[in-house]
Amino acid sequence: MTIDAAQQQVDEWIRTIGVRYFSELTNMAILTEEVGELARIMARTYGDQSFKKSDLGRDLGDEMADVLWVLICLANQTGVNLTEAFERNMAKKTQRDADRHAANEKLRDRDAG
């Protein structure tokens, strides 16, 4: 699936099942909540925190998809074409960071460890 197709699919779902988009500010709050849920699972899976009973059974991919869903909603609401924005962002990063990461000793040392 392309990013464009995902934006279209979310928009179609909102119009046919979801009734309407939540307001942009509501969706921003929901995005923050979803990122928090993702962070919670990451901290327990890859970090030092232990799982609580309420965390068991949570799916990392599903939490990431929740974040993506709300981000796509916000893009649709604000007229952002995520494909174009992502392509511009990749070009910016590629130009800006062409040598930056390769010259970072911290990154090289980590790979050696």
PDB file of N, CA and C in Angstrom:
ATOM      1  N   MET A   1       0.845  -1.180   0.000  1.00  0.00           N
ATOM      2  CA  MET A   1       0.000   0.000   0.000  1.00  0.00           C
ATOM      3  C   MET A   1       0.891   1.243   0.000  1.00  0.00           C
ATOM      4  N   THR A   2       0.512   2.216  -0.787  1.00  0.00           N
ATOM      5  CA  THR A   2       1.252   3.479  -0.800  1.00  0.00           C
ATOM      6  C   THR A   2       0.724   4.393   0.297  1.00  0.00           C
ATOM      7  N   ILE A   3       1.471   5.425   0.574  1.00  0.00           N
ATOM      8  CA  ILE A   3       1.013   6.417   1.546  1.00  0.00           C
ATOM      9  C   ILE A   3      -0.247   7.109   1.018  1.00  0.00           C
ATOM     10  N   ASP A   4      -0.259   7.426  -0.277  1.00  0.00           N
ATOM     11  CA  ASP A   4      -1.458   8.039  -0.876  1.00  0.00           C
ATOM     12  C   ASP A   4      -2.679   7.147  -0.694  1.00  0.00           C
ATOM     13  N   ALA A   5      -2.494   5.862  -0.947  1.00  0.00           N
ATOM     14  CA  ALA A   5      -3.608   4.920  -0.794  1.00  0.00           C
ATOM     15  C   ALA A   5      -4.078   4.865   0.660  1.00  0.00           C
ATOM     16  N   ALA A   6      -3.139   4.913   1.593  1.00  0.00           N
ATOM     17  CA  ALA A   6      -3.508   4.904   3.017  1.00  0.00           C
ATOM     18  C   ALA A   6      -4.311   6.155   3.361  1.00  0.00           C
ATOM     19  N   GLN A   7      -3.891   7.302   2.846  1.00  0.00           N
ATOM     20  CA  GLN A   7      -4.637   8.534   3.105  1.00  0.00           C
ATOM     21  C   GLN A   7      -6.050   8.430   2.529  1.00  0.00           C
ATOM     22  N   GLN A   8      -6.178   7.873   1.341  1.00  0.00           N
ATOM     23  CA  GLN A   8      -7.497   7.716   0.729  1.00  0.00           C
ATOM     24  C   GLN A   8      -8.352   6.721   1.505  1.00  0.00           C
ATOM     25  N   GLN A   9      -7.749   5.622   1.945  1.00  0.00           N
ATOM     26  CA  GLN A   9      -8.495   4.606   2.684  1.00  0.00           C
ATOM     27  C   GLN A   9      -8.997   5.155   4.018  1.00  0.00           C
ATOM     28  N   VAL A  10      -8.164   5.895   4.725  1.00  0.00           N
ATOM     29  CA  VAL A  10      -8.597   6.492   5.990  1.00  0.00           C
ATOM     30  C   VAL A  10      -9.728   7.481   5.734  1.00  0.00           C
ATOM     31  N   ASP A  11      -9.588   8.315   4.711  1.00  0.00           N
ATOM     32  CA  ASP A  11     -10.633   9.290   4.408  1.00  0.00           C
ATOM     33  C   ASP A  11     -11.955   8.602   4.071  1.00  0.00           C
ATOM     34  N   GLU A  12     -11.887   7.544   3.291  1.00  0.00           N
ATOM     35  CA  GLU A  12     -13.101   6.784   2.938  1.00  0.00           C
ATOM     36  C   GLU A  12     -13.737   6.189   4.183  1.00  0.00           C
ATOM     37  N   TRP A  13     -12.921   5.630   5.084  1.00  0.00           N
ATOM     38  CA  TRP A  13     -13.440   5.055   6.318  1.00  0.00           C
ATOM     39  C   TRP A  13     -14.124   6.116   7.173  1.00  0.00           C
ATOM     40  N   ILE A  14     -13.479   7.266   7.293  1.00  0.00           N
ATOM     41  CA  ILE A  14     -14.056   8.355   8.090  1.00  0.00           C
ATOM     42  C   ILE A  14     -15.417   8.758   7.508  1.00  0.00           C
ATOM     43  N   ARG A  15     -15.488   8.927   6.191  1.00  0.00           N
ATOM     44  CA  ARG A  15     -16.725   9.387   5.556  1.00  0.00           C
ATOM     45  C   ARG A  15     -17.846   8.348   5.590  1.00  0.00           C
ATOM     46  N   THR A  16     -17.494   7.048   5.582  1.00  0.00           N
ATOM     47  CA  THR A  16     -18.535   6.025   5.525  1.00  0.00           C
ATOM     48  C   THR A  16     -18.853   5.378   6.869  1.00  0.00           C
ATOM     49  N   ILE A  17     -17.884   5.318   7.760  1.00  0.00           N
ATOM     50  CA  ILE A  17     -18.080   4.639   9.045  1.00  0.00           C
ATOM     51  C   ILE A  17     -17.890   5.588  10.220  1.00  0.00           C
ATOM     52  N   GLY A  18     -16.908   6.445  10.141  1.00  0.00           N
ATOM     53  CA  GLY A  18     -16.560   7.306  11.265  1.00  0.00           C
ATOM     54  C   GLY A  18     -17.398   8.566  11.386  1.00  0.00           C
ATOM     55  N   VAL A  19     -18.310   8.797  10.485  1.00  0.00           N
ATOM     56  CA  VAL A  19     -19.222   9.945  10.434  1.00  0.00           C
ATOM     57  C   VAL A  19     -18.489  11.217  10.007  1.00  0.00           C
ATOM     58  N   ARG A  20     -17.469  11.622  10.772  1.00  0.00           N
ATOM     59  CA  ARG A  20     -16.674  12.800  10.424  1.00  0.00           C
ATOM     60  C   ARG A  20     -15.377  12.734  11.204  1.00  0.00           C
ATOM     61  N   TYR A  21     -14.413  13.551  10.775  1.00  0.00           N
ATOM     62  CA  TYR A  21     -13.156  13.649  11.516  1.00  0.00           C
ATOM     63  C   TYR A  21     -13.414  14.342  12.847  1.00  0.00           C
ATOM     64  N   PHE A  22     -12.700  13.921  13.876  1.00  0.00           N
ATOM     65  CA  PHE A  22     -12.646  14.718  15.097  1.00  0.00           C
ATOM     66  C   PHE A  22     -11.941  16.020  14.740  1.00  0.00           C
ATOM     67  N   SER A  23     -12.081  17.026  15.562  1.00  0.00           N
ATOM     68  CA  SER A  23     -11.389  18.286  15.295  1.00  0.00           C
ATOM     69  C   SER A  23      -9.883  18.050  15.283  1.00  0.00           C
ATOM     70  N   GLU A  24      -9.170  18.951  14.636  1.00  0.00           N
ATOM     71  CA  GLU A  24      -7.719  18.838  14.563  1.00  0.00           C
ATOM     72  C   GLU A  24      -7.082  18.805  15.944  1.00  0.00           C
ATOM     73  N   LEU A  25      -7.576  19.633  16.844  1.00  0.00           N
ATOM     74  CA  LEU A  25      -7.004  19.647  18.200  1.00  0.00           C
ATOM     75  C   LEU A  25      -7.308  18.357  18.951  1.00  0.00           C
ATOM     76  N   THR A  26      -8.504  17.810  18.754  1.00  0.00           N
ATOM     77  CA  THR A  26      -8.827  16.527  19.374  1.00  0.00           C
ATOM     78  C   THR A  26      -7.921  15.439  18.827  1.00  0.00           C
ATOM     79  N   ASN A  27      -7.734  15.436  17.509  1.00  0.00           N
ATOM     80  CA  ASN A  27      -6.853  14.425  16.925  1.00  0.00           C
ATOM     81  C   ASN A  27      -5.412  14.605  17.376  1.00  0.00           C
ATOM     82  N   MET A  28      -4.977  15.833  17.595  1.00  0.00           N
ATOM     83  CA  MET A  28      -3.621  16.044  18.110  1.00  0.00           C
ATOM     84  C   MET A  28      -3.499  15.443  19.508  1.00  0.00           C
ATOM     85  N   ALA A  29      -4.520  15.619  20.326  1.00  0.00           N
ATOM     86  CA  ALA A  29      -4.507  15.029  21.668  1.00  0.00           C
ATOM     87  C   ALA A  29      -4.522  13.504  21.584  1.00  0.00           C
ATOM     88  N   ILE A  30      -5.322  12.965  20.659  1.00  0.00           N
ATOM     89  CA  ILE A  30      -5.370  11.512  20.481  1.00  0.00           C
ATOM     90  C   ILE A  30      -4.023  10.990  19.995  1.00  0.00           C
ATOM     91  N   LEU A  31      -3.372  11.720  19.088  1.00  0.00           N
ATOM     92  CA  LEU A  31      -2.044  11.319  18.611  1.00  0.00           C
ATOM     93  C   LEU A  31      -1.068  11.237  19.783  1.00  0.00           C
ATOM     94  N   THR A  32      -1.107  12.224  20.647  1.00  0.00           N
ATOM     95  CA  THR A  32      -0.234  12.230  21.820  1.00  0.00           C
ATOM     96  C   THR A  32      -0.517  11.025  22.708  1.00  0.00           C
ATOM     97  N   GLU A  33      -1.782  10.719  22.894  1.00  0.00           N
ATOM     98  CA  GLU A  33      -2.174   9.559  23.691  1.00  0.00           C
ATOM     99  C   GLU A  33      -1.650   8.263  23.056  1.00  0.00           C
ATOM    100  N   GLU A  34      -1.815   8.141  21.757  1.00  0.00           N
ATOM    101  CA  GLU A  34      -1.371   6.924  21.065  1.00  0.00           C
ATOM    102  C   GLU A  34       0.149   6.778  21.112  1.00  0.00           C
ATOM    103  N   VAL A  35       0.874   7.885  20.967  1.00  0.00           N
ATOM    104  CA  VAL A  35       2.333   7.830  21.079  1.00  0.00           C
ATOM    105  C   VAL A  35       2.721   7.389  22.494  1.00  0.00           C
ATOM    106  N   GLY A  36       1.991   7.851  23.485  1.00  0.00           N
ATOM    107  CA  GLY A  36       2.244   7.428  24.862  1.00  0.00           C
ATOM    108  C   GLY A  36       2.041   5.933  25.052  1.00  0.00           C
ATOM    109  N   GLU A  37       0.991   5.386  24.430  1.00  0.00           N
ATOM    110  CA  GLU A  37       0.756   3.947  24.526  1.00  0.00           C
ATOM    111  C   GLU A  37       1.882   3.168  23.840  1.00  0.00           C
ATOM    112  N   LEU A  38       2.335   3.668  22.715  1.00  0.00           N
ATOM    113  CA  LEU A  38       3.463   3.046  22.026  1.00  0.00           C
ATOM    114  C   LEU A  38       4.720   3.111  22.894  1.00  0.00           C
ATOM    115  N   ALA A  39       4.963   4.261  23.496  1.00  0.00           N
ATOM    116  CA  ALA A  39       6.139   4.427  24.353  1.00  0.00           C
ATOM    117  C   ALA A  39       6.088   3.470  25.543  1.00  0.00           C
ATOM    118  N   ARG A  40       4.916   3.264  26.075  1.00  0.00           N
ATOM    119  CA  ARG A  40       4.756   2.364  27.216  1.00  0.00           C
ATOM    120  C   ARG A  40       5.176   0.941  26.843  1.00  0.00           C
ATOM    121  N   ILE A  41       4.727   0.468  25.696  1.00  0.00           N
ATOM    122  CA  ILE A  41       5.079  -0.880  25.256  1.00  0.00           C
ATOM    123  C   ILE A  41       6.568  -0.965  24.929  1.00  0.00           C
ATOM    124  N   MET A  42       7.114   0.061  24.284  1.00  0.00           N
ATOM    125  CA  MET A  42       8.551   0.075  23.969  1.00  0.00           C
ATOM    126  C   MET A  42       9.386   0.032  25.248  1.00  0.00           C
ATOM    127  N   ALA A  43       8.998   0.828  26.248  1.00  0.00           N
ATOM    128  CA  ALA A  43       9.748   0.886  27.505  1.00  0.00           C
ATOM    129  C   ALA A  43       9.728  -0.453  28.228  1.00  0.00           C
ATOM    130  N   ARG A  44       8.630  -1.175  28.098  1.00  0.00           N
ATOM    131  CA  ARG A  44       8.521  -2.456  28.777  1.00  0.00           C
ATOM    132  C   ARG A  44       9.156  -3.592  27.971  1.00  0.00           C
ATOM    133  N   THR A  45       9.139  -3.473  26.652  1.00  0.00           N
ATOM    134  CA  THR A  45       9.701  -4.522  25.805  1.00  0.00           C
ATOM    135  C   THR A  45      11.213  -4.372  25.651  1.00  0.00           C
ATOM    136  N   TYR A  46      11.667  -3.135  25.430  1.00  0.00           N
ATOM    137  CA  TYR A  46      13.088  -2.910  25.135  1.00  0.00           C
ATOM    138  C   TYR A  46      13.818  -2.137  26.224  1.00  0.00           C
ATOM    139  N   GLY A  47      13.078  -1.589  27.166  1.00  0.00           N
ATOM    140  CA  GLY A  47      13.682  -0.806  28.227  1.00  0.00           C
ATOM    141  C   GLY A  47      13.743  -1.587  29.526  1.00  0.00           C
ATOM    142  N   ASP A  48      13.853  -0.859  30.597  1.00  0.00           N
ATOM    143  CA  ASP A  48      14.073  -1.464  31.902  1.00  0.00           C
ATOM    144  C   ASP A  48      12.801  -1.686  32.710  1.00  0.00           C
ATOM    145  N   GLN A  49      11.679  -1.167  32.239  1.00  0.00           N
ATOM    146  CA  GLN A  49      10.448  -1.332  33.006  1.00  0.00           C
ATOM    147  C   GLN A  49       9.874  -2.723  32.811  1.00  0.00           C
ATOM    148  N   SER A  50       9.233  -3.210  33.865  1.00  0.00           N
ATOM    149  CA  SER A  50       8.571  -4.511  33.773  1.00  0.00           C
ATOM    150  C   SER A  50       7.134  -4.328  33.313  1.00  0.00           C
ATOM    151  N   PHE A  51       6.582  -5.390  32.747  1.00  0.00           N
ATOM    152  CA  PHE A  51       5.195  -5.344  32.276  1.00  0.00           C
ATOM    153  C   PHE A  51       4.244  -5.364  33.450  1.00  0.00           C
ATOM    154  N   LYS A  52       3.144  -4.637  33.300  1.00  0.00           N
ATOM    155  CA  LYS A  52       2.023  -4.710  34.228  1.00  0.00           C
ATOM    156  C   LYS A  52       0.966  -5.591  33.577  1.00  0.00           C
ATOM    157  N   LYS A  53       0.034  -6.091  34.371  1.00  0.00           N
ATOM    158  CA  LYS A  53      -1.016  -6.943  33.811  1.00  0.00           C
ATOM    159  C   LYS A  53      -1.762  -6.233  32.679  1.00  0.00           C
ATOM    160  N   SER A  54      -1.968  -4.928  32.821  1.00  0.00           N
ATOM    161  CA  SER A  54      -2.707  -4.177  31.804  1.00  0.00           C
ATOM    162  C   SER A  54      -1.930  -4.042  30.495  1.00  0.00           C
ATOM    163  N   ASP A  55      -0.620  -4.295  30.524  1.00  0.00           N
ATOM    164  CA  ASP A  55       0.213  -4.202  29.323  1.00  0.00           C
ATOM    165  C   ASP A  55       0.260  -5.508  28.543  1.00  0.00           C
ATOM    166  N   LEU A  56      -0.027  -6.604  29.196  1.00  0.00           N
ATOM    167  CA  LEU A  56       0.096  -7.902  28.557  1.00  0.00           C
ATOM    168  C   LEU A  56      -0.906  -8.016  27.412  1.00  0.00           C
ATOM    169  N   GLY A  57      -0.460  -8.599  26.331  1.00  0.00           N
ATOM    170  CA  GLY A  57      -1.333  -8.784  25.184  1.00  0.00           C
ATOM    171  C   GLY A  57      -1.367  -7.612  24.225  1.00  0.00           C
ATOM    172  N   ARG A  58      -0.698  -6.522  24.569  1.00  0.00           N
ATOM    173  CA  ARG A  58      -0.643  -5.375  23.657  1.00  0.00           C
ATOM    174  C   ARG A  58       0.305  -5.700  22.527  1.00  0.00           C
ATOM    175  N   ASP A  59      -0.078  -5.300  21.335  1.00  0.00           N
ATOM    176  CA  ASP A  59       0.704  -5.606  20.142  1.00  0.00           C
ATOM    177  C   ASP A  59       1.437  -4.363  19.672  1.00  0.00           C
ATOM    178  N   LEU A  60       2.753  -4.451  19.564  1.00  0.00           N
ATOM    179  CA  LEU A  60       3.581  -3.313  19.174  1.00  0.00           C
ATOM    180  C   LEU A  60       3.157  -2.775  17.812  1.00  0.00           C
ATOM    181  N   GLY A  61       2.948  -3.659  16.856  1.00  0.00           N
ATOM    182  CA  GLY A  61       2.526  -3.234  15.521  1.00  0.00           C
ATOM    183  C   GLY A  61       1.188  -2.516  15.539  1.00  0.00           C
ATOM    184  N   ASP A  62       0.268  -2.997  16.349  1.00  0.00           N
ATOM    185  CA  ASP A  62      -1.043  -2.361  16.452  1.00  0.00           C
ATOM    186  C   ASP A  62      -0.917  -0.961  17.045  1.00  0.00           C
ATOM    187  N   GLU A  63      -0.039  -0.817  18.032  1.00  0.00           N
ATOM    188  CA  GLU A  63       0.171   0.504  18.631  1.00  0.00           C
ATOM    189  C   GLU A  63       0.788   1.466  17.611  1.00  0.00           C
ATOM    190  N   MET A  64       1.731   0.972  16.811  1.00  0.00           N
ATOM    191  CA  MET A  64       2.316   1.814  15.760  1.00  0.00           C
ATOM    192  C   MET A  64       1.260   2.191  14.723  1.00  0.00           C
ATOM    193  N   ALA A  65       0.400   1.247  14.380  1.00  0.00           N
ATOM    194  CA  ALA A  65      -0.661   1.524  13.413  1.00  0.00           C
ATOM    195  C   ALA A  65      -1.644   2.562  13.954  1.00  0.00           C
ATOM    196  N   ASP A  66      -1.911   2.544  15.251  1.00  0.00           N
ATOM    197  CA  ASP A  66      -2.773   3.571  15.854  1.00  0.00           C
ATOM    198  C   ASP A  66      -2.165   4.961  15.675  1.00  0.00           C
ATOM    199  N   VAL A  67      -0.855   5.061  15.889  1.00  0.00           N
ATOM    200  CA  VAL A  67      -0.155   6.343  15.700  1.00  0.00           C
ATOM    201  C   VAL A  67      -0.270   6.774  14.239  1.00  0.00           C
ATOM    202  N   LEU A  68      -0.023   5.847  13.327  1.00  0.00           N
ATOM    203  CA  LEU A  68      -0.092   6.152  11.901  1.00  0.00           C
ATOM    204  C   LEU A  68      -1.488   6.586  11.485  1.00  0.00           C
ATOM    205  N   TRP A  69      -2.498   5.918  11.989  1.00  0.00           N
ATOM    206  CA  TRP A  69      -3.896   6.246  11.678  1.00  0.00           C
ATOM    207  C   TRP A  69      -4.207   7.704  12.019  1.00  0.00           C
ATOM    208  N   VAL A  70      -3.891   8.099  13.232  1.00  0.00           N
ATOM    209  CA  VAL A  70      -4.220   9.462  13.659  1.00  0.00           C
ATOM    210  C   VAL A  70      -3.367  10.479  12.900  1.00  0.00           C
ATOM    211  N   LEU A  71      -2.113  10.158  12.637  1.00  0.00           N
ATOM    212  CA  LEU A  71      -1.268  11.052  11.846  1.00  0.00           C
ATOM    213  C   LEU A  71      -1.862  11.243  10.450  1.00  0.00           C
ATOM    214  N   ILE A  72      -2.343  10.164   9.853  1.00  0.00           N
ATOM    215  CA  ILE A  72      -2.983  10.266   8.544  1.00  0.00           C
ATOM    216  C   ILE A  72      -4.253  11.111   8.635  1.00  0.00           C
ATOM    217  N   CYS A  73      -5.025  10.933   9.675  1.00  0.00           N
ATOM    218  CA  CYS A  73      -6.214  11.777   9.870  1.00  0.00           C
ATOM    219  C   CYS A  73      -5.827  13.250   9.893  1.00  0.00           C
ATOM    220  N   LEU A  74      -4.807  13.583  10.656  1.00  0.00           N
ATOM    221  CA  LEU A  74      -4.364  14.977  10.738  1.00  0.00           C
ATOM    222  C   LEU A  74      -3.884  15.493   9.392  1.00  0.00           C
ATOM    223  N   ALA A  75      -3.168  14.666   8.651  1.00  0.00           N
ATOM    224  CA  ALA A  75      -2.707  15.075   7.318  1.00  0.00           C
ATOM    225  C   ALA A  75      -3.901  15.338   6.411  1.00  0.00           C
ATOM    226  N   ASN A  76      -4.859  14.453   6.426  1.00  0.00           N
ATOM    227  CA  ASN A  76      -6.053  14.635   5.593  1.00  0.00           C
ATOM    228  C   ASN A  76      -6.791  15.916   5.966  1.00  0.00           C
ATOM    229  N   GLN A  77      -6.932  16.154   7.241  1.00  0.00           N
ATOM    230  CA  GLN A  77      -7.670  17.332   7.702  1.00  0.00           C
ATOM    231  C   GLN A  77      -6.985  18.642   7.345  1.00  0.00           C
ATOM    232  N   THR A  78      -5.673  18.616   7.305  1.00  0.00           N
ATOM    233  CA  THR A  78      -4.925  19.856   7.099  1.00  0.00           C
ATOM    234  C   THR A  78      -4.403  20.001   5.674  1.00  0.00           C
ATOM    235  N   GLY A  79      -4.777  19.066   4.807  1.00  0.00           N
ATOM    236  CA  GLY A  79      -4.402  19.159   3.410  1.00  0.00           C
ATOM    237  C   GLY A  79      -2.960  18.804   3.107  1.00  0.00           C
ATOM    238  N   VAL A  80      -2.340  18.015   3.956  1.00  0.00           N
ATOM    239  CA  VAL A  80      -0.955  17.609   3.739  1.00  0.00           C
ATOM    240  C   VAL A  80      -0.931  16.303   2.947  1.00  0.00           C
ATOM    241  N   ASN A  81      -0.223  16.306   1.832  1.00  0.00           N
ATOM    242  CA  ASN A  81       0.026  15.090   1.068  1.00  0.00           C
ATOM    243  C   ASN A  81       1.267  14.463   1.682  1.00  0.00           C
ATOM    244  N   LEU A  82       1.074  13.372   2.410  1.00  0.00           N
ATOM    245  CA  LEU A  82       2.188  12.766   3.149  1.00  0.00           C
ATOM    246  C   LEU A  82       3.258  12.188   2.225  1.00  0.00           C
ATOM    247  N   THR A  83       2.884  11.737   1.056  1.00  0.00           N
ATOM    248  CA  THR A  83       3.888  11.233   0.114  1.00  0.00           C
ATOM    249  C   THR A  83       4.837  12.352  -0.278  1.00  0.00           C
ATOM    250  N   GLU A  84       4.276  13.479  -0.679  1.00  0.00           N
ATOM    251  CA  GLU A  84       5.108  14.616  -1.071  1.00  0.00           C
ATOM    252  C   GLU A  84       5.926  15.130   0.105  1.00  0.00           C
ATOM    253  N   ALA A  85       5.298  15.230   1.263  1.00  0.00           N
ATOM    254  CA  ALA A  85       6.000  15.720   2.448  1.00  0.00           C
ATOM    255  C   ALA A  85       7.142  14.781   2.827  1.00  0.00           C
ATOM    256  N   PHE A  86       6.908  13.470   2.741  1.00  0.00           N
ATOM    257  CA  PHE A  86       7.937  12.499   3.084  1.00  0.00           C
ATOM    258  C   PHE A  86       9.092  12.564   2.088  1.00  0.00           C
ATOM    259  N   GLU A  87       8.762  12.688   0.818  1.00  0.00           N
ATOM    260  CA  GLU A  87       9.821  12.776  -0.194  1.00  0.00           C
ATOM    261  C   GLU A  87      10.680  14.025   0.009  1.00  0.00           C
ATOM    262  N   ARG A  88      10.047  15.153   0.317  1.00  0.00           N
ATOM    263  CA  ARG A  88      10.812  16.376   0.600  1.00  0.00           C
ATOM    264  C   ARG A  88      11.667  16.198   1.846  1.00  0.00           C
ATOM    265  N   ASN A  89      11.111  15.544   2.853  1.00  0.00           N
ATOM    266  CA  ASN A  89      11.829  15.343   4.103  1.00  0.00           C
ATOM    267  C   ASN A  89      13.026  14.427   3.905  1.00  0.00           C
ATOM    268  N   MET A  90      12.864  13.377   3.111  1.00  0.00           N
ATOM    269  CA  MET A  90      13.988  12.474   2.823  1.00  0.00           C
ATOM    270  C   MET A  90      15.090  13.207   2.072  1.00  0.00           C
ATOM    271  N   ALA A  91      14.710  14.045   1.112  1.00  0.00           N
ATOM    272  CA  ALA A  91      15.718  14.809   0.362  1.00  0.00           C
ATOM    273  C   ALA A  91      16.465  15.756   1.290  1.00  0.00           C
ATOM    274  N   LYS A  92      15.731  16.398   2.187  1.00  0.00           N
ATOM    275  CA  LYS A  92      16.355  17.315   3.151  1.00  0.00           C
ATOM    276  C   LYS A  92      17.344  16.576   4.040  1.00  0.00           C
ATOM    277  N   LYS A  93      16.913  15.446   4.587  1.00  0.00           N
ATOM    278  CA  LYS A  93      17.782  14.671   5.467  1.00  0.00           C
ATOM    279  C   LYS A  93      19.009  14.157   4.721  1.00  0.00           C
ATOM    280  N   THR A  94      18.800  13.701   3.490  1.00  0.00           N
ATOM    281  CA  THR A  94      19.907  13.161   2.703  1.00  0.00           C
ATOM    282  C   THR A  94      20.955  14.230   2.431  1.00  0.00           C
ATOM    283  N   GLN A  95      20.502  15.413   2.079  1.00  0.00           N
ATOM    284  CA  GLN A  95      21.441  16.505   1.813  1.00  0.00           C
ATOM    285  C   GLN A  95      22.120  16.974   3.090  1.00  0.00           C
ATOM    286  N   ARG A  96      21.337  17.180   4.122  1.00  0.00           N
ATOM    287  CA  ARG A  96      21.872  17.716   5.375  1.00  0.00           C
ATOM    288  C   ARG A  96      22.796  16.732   6.070  1.00  0.00           C
ATOM    289  N   ASP A  97      22.462  15.455   6.018  1.00  0.00           N
ATOM    290  CA  ASP A  97      23.180  14.458   6.812  1.00  0.00           C
ATOM    291  C   ASP A  97      24.063  13.542   5.970  1.00  0.00           C
ATOM    292  N   ALA A  98      24.433  13.990   4.774  1.00  0.00           N
ATOM    293  CA  ALA A  98      25.206  13.142   3.857  1.00  0.00           C
ATOM    294  C   ALA A  98      26.430  12.537   4.529  1.00  0.00           C
ATOM    295  N   ASP A  99      27.137  13.311   5.350  1.00  0.00           N
ATOM    296  CA  ASP A  99      28.346  12.806   6.018  1.00  0.00           C
ATOM    297  C   ASP A  99      28.216  12.773   7.536  1.00  0.00           C
ATOM    298  N   ARG A 100      27.174  13.390   8.048  1.00  0.00           N
ATOM    299  CA  ARG A 100      27.048  13.590   9.493  1.00  0.00           C
ATOM    300  C   ARG A 100      27.068  12.281  10.281  1.00  0.00           C
ATOM    301  N   HIS A 101      26.265  11.325   9.900  1.00  0.00           N
ATOM    302  CA  HIS A 101      26.161  10.096  10.693  1.00  0.00           C
ATOM    303  C   HIS A 101      27.380   9.199  10.499  1.00  0.00           C
ATOM    304  N   ALA A 102      27.917   9.182   9.291  1.00  0.00           N
ATOM    305  CA  ALA A 102      29.119   8.379   9.040  1.00  0.00           C
ATOM    306  C   ALA A 102      30.301   8.901   9.855  1.00  0.00           C
ATOM    307  N   ALA A 103      30.310  10.203  10.146  1.00  0.00           N
ATOM    308  CA  ALA A 103      31.400  10.801  10.914  1.00  0.00           C
ATOM    309  C   ALA A 103      31.167  10.728  12.423  1.00  0.00           C
ATOM    310  N   ASN A 104      30.033  10.239  12.837  1.00  0.00           N
ATOM    311  CA  ASN A 104      29.685  10.180  14.254  1.00  0.00           C
ATOM    312  C   ASN A 104      30.338   8.959  14.901  1.00  0.00           C
ATOM    313  N   GLU A 105      31.336   9.202  15.725  1.00  0.00           N
ATOM    314  CA  GLU A 105      32.060   8.108  16.380  1.00  0.00           C
ATOM    315  C   GLU A 105      31.149   7.272  17.263  1.00  0.00           C
ATOM    316  N   LYS A 106      30.160   7.889  17.868  1.00  0.00           N
ATOM    317  CA  LYS A 106      29.245   7.147  18.728  1.00  0.00           C
ATOM    318  C   LYS A 106      28.506   6.070  17.950  1.00  0.00           C
ATOM    319  N   LEU A 107      28.136   6.383  16.714  1.00  0.00           N
ATOM    320  CA  LEU A 107      27.441   5.394  15.895  1.00  0.00           C
ATOM    321  C   LEU A 107      28.375   4.279  15.455  1.00  0.00           C
ATOM    322  N   ARG A 108      29.592   4.623  15.100  1.00  0.00           N
ATOM    323  CA  ARG A 108      30.559   3.605  14.668  1.00  0.00           C
ATOM    324  C   ARG A 108      30.936   2.715  15.839  1.00  0.00           C
ATOM    325  N   ASP A 109      31.139   3.289  17.009  1.00  0.00           N
ATOM    326  CA  ASP A 109      31.527   2.501  18.182  1.00  0.00           C
ATOM    327  C   ASP A 109      30.431   1.526  18.573  1.00  0.00           C
ATOM    328  N   ARG A 110      29.196   1.925  18.441  1.00  0.00           N
ATOM    329  CA  ARG A 110      28.080   1.059  18.819  1.00  0.00           C
ATOM    330  C   ARG A 110      28.026  -0.174  17.928  1.00  0.00           C
ATOM    331  N   ASP A 111      28.266   0.017  16.628  1.00  0.00           N
ATOM    332  CA  ASP A 111      28.248  -1.113  15.700  1.00  0.00           C
ATOM    333  C   ASP A 111      29.367  -2.099  16.025  1.00  0.00           C
ATOM    334  N   ALA A 112      30.493  -1.575  16.492  1.00  0.00           N
ATOM    335  CA  ALA A 112      31.640  -2.440  16.779  1.00  0.00           C
ATOM    336  C   ALA A 112      31.413  -3.246  18.056  1.00  0.00           C
ATOM    337  N   GLY A 113      30.539  -2.731  18.942  1.00  0.00           N
ATOM    338  CA  GLY A 113      30.364  -3.352  20.241  1.00  0.00           C
ATOM    339  C   GLY A 113      29.574  -4.562  20.199  1.00  0.00           C
TER     340      GLY A 113
END
